[in-house]
Protein backbone atom coordinates (compact mmCIF):
# COMPACT_ATOMS: atom_id res chain seq x y z
CA MET A 1 -14.63 -2.15 48.08
CA LYS A 2 -14.11 1.45 46.26
CA LYS A 3 -10.25 0.70 46.35
CA LEU A 4 -11.12 -2.60 44.84
CA ILE A 5 -12.88 -0.79 41.88
CA LEU A 6 -10.34 1.80 41.84
CA VAL A 7 -7.20 -0.52 41.28
CA LEU A 8 -8.96 -2.66 38.71
CA MET A 9 -10.07 0.25 36.63
CA ILE A 10 -6.44 1.74 36.83
CA SER A 11 -4.87 -1.77 35.21
CA LEU A 12 -7.46 -2.11 33.07
CA MET A 13 -6.62 1.24 31.47
CA GLY A 14 -3.06 0.23 31.78
CA ILE A 15 -3.58 -2.79 29.65
CA SER A 16 -6.07 -0.89 27.36
CA VAL A 17 -3.15 1.59 26.50
CA GLN A 18 -0.44 -0.87 26.13
CA ALA A 19 -2.43 -3.18 23.93
CA GLN A 20 -2.65 0.12 20.95
CA GLU A 21 0.17 -0.16 18.37
CA LYS A 22 1.94 2.94 17.16
CA LYS A 23 1.79 3.15 13.52
CA ASN A 24 4.19 5.23 11.65
CA LYS A 25 3.08 8.50 9.82
CA ASN A 26 5.79 8.26 7.21
CA ALA A 27 6.43 4.35 6.57
CA LYS A 28 8.67 3.54 3.88
CA TYR A 29 7.77 0.44 1.18
CA ASP A 30 9.48 -0.64 -1.76
CA ILE A 31 6.99 -2.97 -3.61
CA GLU A 32 7.74 -4.56 -7.20
CA VAL A 33 5.32 -3.05 -9.68
CA ASN A 34 5.72 -4.47 -13.49
CA GLY A 35 5.60 -2.17 -16.57
CA ASN A 36 7.00 -1.02 -19.37
CA CYS A 37 7.07 2.71 -20.11
CA ASP A 38 6.53 6.58 -18.98
CA MET A 39 2.96 6.05 -19.40
CA CYS A 40 3.05 2.93 -17.44
CA LYS A 41 4.90 5.33 -14.87
CA LYS A 42 2.20 8.22 -14.86
CA ARG A 43 -0.73 5.03 -14.35
CA ILE A 44 0.94 3.46 -11.63
CA GLU A 45 1.91 6.53 -9.52
CA LYS A 46 -1.51 7.63 -10.01
CA ALA A 47 -3.03 4.62 -8.55
CA ALA A 48 -0.90 4.28 -5.95
CA LEU A 49 -1.58 8.37 -4.95
CA SER A 50 -5.05 7.82 -5.33
CA VAL A 51 -4.78 5.88 -1.68
CA LYS A 52 -5.71 8.25 1.14
CA GLY A 53 -2.83 8.10 3.01
CA VAL A 54 0.04 7.62 0.56
CA LYS A 55 2.12 10.52 0.73
CA SER A 56 5.09 9.77 -1.96
CA ALA A 57 5.22 7.24 -4.76
CA VAL A 58 7.74 6.71 -7.16
CA TRP A 59 7.92 3.94 -9.83
CA HIS A 60 11.20 3.11 -11.59
CA ALA A 61 11.19 1.17 -15.00
CA ASP A 62 14.78 -0.09 -14.80
CA HIS A 63 14.23 -1.50 -11.28
CA GLN A 64 10.56 -2.63 -11.63
CA ASP A 65 9.72 -1.11 -8.27
CA MET A 66 7.79 1.63 -6.45
CA HIS A 67 9.09 3.47 -3.21
CA LEU A 68 6.25 4.70 -1.01
CA ILE A 69 5.76 6.84 1.70
CA LEU A 70 2.44 6.51 3.69
CA ASP A 71 0.90 7.21 6.74
CA GLU A 72 -0.21 3.99 8.42
CA ASN A 73 -2.42 5.21 10.37
CA LYS A 74 -4.74 5.99 7.09
CA CYS A 75 -3.63 3.03 4.77
CA THR A 76 -2.28 0.09 3.91
CA VAL A 77 0.31 -1.43 1.96
CA ASP A 78 -1.92 -4.21 0.75
CA GLN A 79 -4.34 -1.17 -0.23
CA VAL A 80 -1.62 0.37 -2.59
CA HIS A 81 -0.89 -3.25 -4.03
CA LYS A 82 -4.60 -3.44 -4.91
CA ALA A 83 -5.22 -0.05 -6.11
CA VAL A 84 -1.90 -0.43 -8.61
CA ALA A 85 -3.62 -4.08 -9.52
CA ASN A 86 -6.60 -2.58 -10.55
CA VAL A 87 -5.30 -0.24 -13.42
CA GLY A 88 -3.36 -3.28 -14.80
CA HIS A 89 0.13 -3.90 -13.41
CA ASP A 90 0.86 -7.12 -11.27
CA THR A 91 2.50 -6.36 -8.03
CA ASP A 92 4.80 -8.82 -6.23
CA LYS A 93 1.33 -9.29 -4.00
CA VAL A 94 -1.38 -8.80 -6.05
CA LYS A 95 -2.16 -9.89 -9.65
CA ALA A 96 -4.34 -7.65 -11.84
CA ASN A 97 -7.21 -9.50 -13.55
CA ASP A 98 -6.97 -10.39 -16.82
CA GLU A 99 -9.65 -7.67 -18.24
CA ALA A 100 -7.72 -4.79 -16.56
CA TYR A 101 -4.52 -6.09 -17.82
CA LYS A 102 -6.16 -6.23 -21.75
CA ASP A 103 -7.09 -2.70 -21.19
CA LEU A 104 -3.24 -1.52 -21.04
CA HIS A 105 -2.08 0.21 -24.12
CA GLY A 106 0.01 -2.21 -26.44
CA CYS A 107 3.33 -0.78 -25.28
CA CYS A 108 2.61 -0.70 -21.69
CA GLN A 109 1.44 -4.82 -21.69
CA PHE A 110 4.59 -6.47 -20.02
CA GLU A 111 5.40 -9.95 -19.73
CA ARG A 112 3.47 -11.23 -16.93
CA LYS A 113 4.49 -14.00 -14.44
CA GLN A 114 3.10 -16.96 -14.11
């Protein structure tokens, strides 16, 4: 009986170890973020870096994209999308609410996609 219990316990431990997903501490993502100018760049990057676990965020106006490096153990790329949308900038996954968009400076108001 003791041997049977021991075998079952070892089997269950093996299954639980396999079920754990290894997350990347330096995961790289490119996300589309709409904006126009240097004020947008500062706002977008600040919003992304406010998410705990984001190590690097660089937005490029000419390509309308942001390069991210983040620790997947601490945050998700979806959290970054939401943080950027909360300051008024649309991403390829999350559209900013109209109120946040209207609060942007005139030069920062980009042409929104429908």
